Amino acid sequence: MEKKKRIVFYDDLNGPHEAQVRENAALTPEQCWKALLRMKKMHNQIFKKQPAKRAARIVIETPSWM
């Protein structure tokens, strides 16, 4: 069961960063992997993966009228 997120008020701007570092340090490797996959999925949904660019090539042919 996931614990509920609480609203936390910080005194300075460094507070959220320190809290996140402490939270991430407590994660197990398996939890880190799941978090990475979840973030990767969200990133792909937000930025819509672009199709791979095709290699540029120049084709030289004789014109049909020659």
N, C-alpha and C. Protein backbone atom coordinates (compact mmCIF):
# COMPACT_ATOMS: atom_id res chain seq x y z
N MET A 1 0.83 -1.17 0.00
CA MET A 1 0.00 0.00 0.00
C MET A 1 0.88 1.24 0.00
N GLU A 2 0.61 2.15 -0.91
CA GLU A 2 1.39 3.39 -0.99
C GLU A 2 0.95 4.35 0.09
N LYS A 3 1.93 5.07 0.63
CA LYS A 3 1.53 6.05 1.62
C LYS A 3 1.07 7.33 0.92
N LYS A 4 0.15 8.02 1.56
CA LYS A 4 -0.43 9.21 0.97
C LYS A 4 0.60 10.34 0.96
N LYS A 5 0.57 11.13 -0.09
CA LYS A 5 1.44 12.29 -0.19
C LYS A 5 0.89 13.38 0.72
N ARG A 6 1.78 14.07 1.41
CA ARG A 6 1.36 15.15 2.29
C ARG A 6 1.94 16.46 1.78
N ILE A 7 1.27 17.53 2.07
CA ILE A 7 1.78 18.85 1.71
C ILE A 7 2.79 19.26 2.77
N VAL A 8 3.98 19.62 2.32
CA VAL A 8 5.04 20.01 3.23
C VAL A 8 5.45 21.44 2.92
N PHE A 9 5.58 22.25 3.94
CA PHE A 9 6.02 23.63 3.77
C PHE A 9 7.48 23.73 4.20
N TYR A 10 8.31 24.31 3.34
CA TYR A 10 9.74 24.42 3.60
C TYR A 10 10.10 25.87 3.92
N ASP A 11 11.16 26.04 4.73
CA ASP A 11 11.60 27.38 5.11
C ASP A 11 12.45 28.03 4.03
N ASP A 12 13.19 27.21 3.27
CA ASP A 12 14.04 27.77 2.21
C ASP A 12 13.91 26.93 0.94
N LEU A 13 14.55 27.38 -0.13
CA LEU A 13 14.43 26.69 -1.41
C LEU A 13 15.22 25.39 -1.48
N ASN A 14 16.15 25.19 -0.56
CA ASN A 14 16.96 23.97 -0.58
C ASN A 14 16.22 22.80 0.08
N GLY A 15 15.17 23.07 0.81
CA GLY A 15 14.42 22.03 1.52
C GLY A 15 13.87 20.94 0.62
N PRO A 16 13.18 21.30 -0.47
CA PRO A 16 12.64 20.24 -1.33
C PRO A 16 13.73 19.35 -1.93
N HIS A 17 14.86 19.95 -2.27
CA HIS A 17 15.97 19.17 -2.85
C HIS A 17 16.49 18.17 -1.83
N GLU A 18 16.73 18.63 -0.61
CA GLU A 18 17.24 17.73 0.44
C GLU A 18 16.24 16.62 0.73
N ALA A 19 14.95 16.95 0.75
CA ALA A 19 13.93 15.93 1.01
C ALA A 19 13.92 14.88 -0.09
N GLN A 20 14.08 15.33 -1.34
CA GLN A 20 14.07 14.39 -2.45
C GLN A 20 15.31 13.49 -2.41
N VAL A 21 16.46 14.05 -2.05
CA VAL A 21 17.69 13.25 -1.95
C VAL A 21 17.52 12.19 -0.86
N ARG A 22 16.98 12.58 0.29
CA ARG A 22 16.75 11.62 1.37
C ARG A 22 15.77 10.53 0.95
N GLU A 23 14.72 10.92 0.25
CA GLU A 23 13.70 9.96 -0.20
C GLU A 23 14.30 8.96 -1.19
N ASN A 24 15.11 9.45 -2.13
CA ASN A 24 15.71 8.57 -3.14
C ASN A 24 16.77 7.67 -2.55
N ALA A 25 17.46 8.13 -1.51
CA ALA A 25 18.49 7.30 -0.88
C ALA A 25 17.87 6.10 -0.17
N ALA A 26 16.62 6.21 0.23
CA ALA A 26 15.96 5.13 0.96
C ALA A 26 15.39 4.07 0.01
N LEU A 27 15.38 4.31 -1.30
CA LEU A 27 14.80 3.36 -2.24
C LEU A 27 15.71 2.16 -2.46
N THR A 28 15.10 1.02 -2.70
CA THR A 28 15.87 -0.18 -3.05
C THR A 28 16.17 -0.13 -4.55
N PRO A 29 17.13 -0.91 -5.03
CA PRO A 29 17.42 -0.92 -6.46
C PRO A 29 16.20 -1.27 -7.32
N GLU A 30 15.36 -2.18 -6.84
CA GLU A 30 14.16 -2.55 -7.60
C GLU A 30 13.18 -1.38 -7.69
N GLN A 31 13.02 -0.63 -6.60
CA GLN A 31 12.15 0.53 -6.60
C GLN A 31 12.71 1.62 -7.53
N CYS A 32 14.03 1.77 -7.53
CA CYS A 32 14.66 2.75 -8.42
C CYS A 32 14.39 2.39 -9.88
N TRP A 33 14.51 1.10 -10.21
CA TRP A 33 14.28 0.64 -11.58
C TRP A 33 12.84 0.90 -12.02
N LYS A 34 11.88 0.59 -11.11
CA LYS A 34 10.47 0.83 -11.43
C LYS A 34 10.20 2.32 -11.62
N ALA A 35 10.82 3.15 -10.79
CA ALA A 35 10.65 4.60 -10.92
C ALA A 35 11.22 5.09 -12.25
N LEU A 36 12.37 4.55 -12.64
CA LEU A 36 12.98 4.95 -13.90
C LEU A 36 12.07 4.59 -15.08
N LEU A 37 11.53 3.38 -15.08
CA LEU A 37 10.64 2.97 -16.16
C LEU A 37 9.38 3.82 -16.19
N ARG A 38 8.84 4.17 -15.01
CA ARG A 38 7.65 5.01 -14.95
C ARG A 38 7.95 6.41 -15.51
N MET A 39 9.10 6.98 -15.15
CA MET A 39 9.47 8.31 -15.65
C MET A 39 9.73 8.28 -17.15
N LYS A 40 10.37 7.19 -17.63
CA LYS A 40 10.65 7.06 -19.05
C LYS A 40 9.34 6.99 -19.85
N LYS A 41 8.36 6.25 -19.32
CA LYS A 41 7.06 6.14 -19.98
C LYS A 41 6.37 7.51 -20.04
N MET A 42 6.41 8.25 -18.92
CA MET A 42 5.79 9.58 -18.89
C MET A 42 6.49 10.52 -19.88
N HIS A 43 7.82 10.44 -19.94
CA HIS A 43 8.59 11.29 -20.84
C HIS A 43 8.20 11.02 -22.29
N ASN A 44 8.09 9.74 -22.65
CA ASN A 44 7.72 9.38 -24.02
C ASN A 44 6.31 9.84 -24.35
N GLN A 45 5.40 9.80 -23.38
CA GLN A 45 4.04 10.26 -23.61
C GLN A 45 3.99 11.77 -23.80
N ILE A 46 4.79 12.49 -23.04
CA ILE A 46 4.79 13.95 -23.12
C ILE A 46 5.42 14.42 -24.42
N PHE A 47 6.58 13.86 -24.76
CA PHE A 47 7.34 14.37 -25.90
C PHE A 47 7.15 13.57 -27.18
N LYS A 48 6.30 12.56 -27.17
CA LYS A 48 5.99 11.78 -28.37
C LYS A 48 7.26 11.45 -29.15
N LYS A 49 7.75 10.28 -28.97
CA LYS A 49 9.00 9.89 -29.65
C LYS A 49 8.94 10.20 -31.14
N GLN A 50 9.97 10.88 -31.62
CA GLN A 50 10.05 11.23 -33.04
C GLN A 50 10.52 10.00 -33.83
N PRO A 51 9.99 9.80 -35.02
CA PRO A 51 10.47 8.67 -35.83
C PRO A 51 11.94 8.88 -36.21
N ALA A 52 12.64 7.81 -36.39
CA ALA A 52 14.05 7.90 -36.74
C ALA A 52 14.22 8.61 -38.09
N LYS A 53 15.22 9.46 -38.17
CA LYS A 53 15.44 10.19 -39.42
C LYS A 53 16.03 9.24 -40.45
N ARG A 54 15.53 9.38 -41.66
CA ARG A 54 16.07 8.54 -42.73
C ARG A 54 17.36 9.16 -43.23
N ALA A 55 18.26 8.32 -43.67
CA ALA A 55 19.53 8.80 -44.18
C ALA A 55 19.30 9.57 -45.49
N ALA A 56 19.94 10.70 -45.61
CA ALA A 56 19.80 11.49 -46.84
C ALA A 56 20.62 10.82 -47.94
N ARG A 57 20.04 10.72 -49.10
CA ARG A 57 20.78 10.13 -50.21
C ARG A 57 20.44 10.89 -51.49
N ILE A 58 21.38 10.92 -52.37
CA ILE A 58 21.19 11.60 -53.64
C ILE A 58 21.15 10.54 -54.73
N VAL A 59 20.08 10.59 -55.52
CA VAL A 59 19.92 9.62 -56.60
C VAL A 59 20.07 10.40 -57.92
N ILE A 60 21.03 9.99 -58.73
CA ILE A 60 21.25 10.63 -60.01
C ILE A 60 20.77 9.68 -61.11
N GLU A 61 19.78 10.16 -61.85
CA GLU A 61 19.22 9.36 -62.95
C GLU A 61 19.21 10.22 -64.20
N THR A 62 19.18 9.56 -65.32
CA THR A 62 19.07 10.31 -66.57
C THR A 62 17.62 10.75 -66.75
N PRO A 63 17.38 11.98 -67.17
CA PRO A 63 16.00 12.44 -67.35
C PRO A 63 15.32 11.65 -68.48
N SER A 64 14.01 11.54 -68.39
CA SER A 64 13.26 10.75 -69.35
C SER A 64 13.27 11.37 -70.76
N TRP A 65 13.48 12.68 -70.87
CA TRP A 65 13.44 13.31 -72.16
C TRP A 65 14.75 13.20 -72.93
N MET A 66 15.78 12.62 -72.34
CA MET A 66 17.07 12.49 -73.05
C MET A 66 17.17 11.18 -73.75
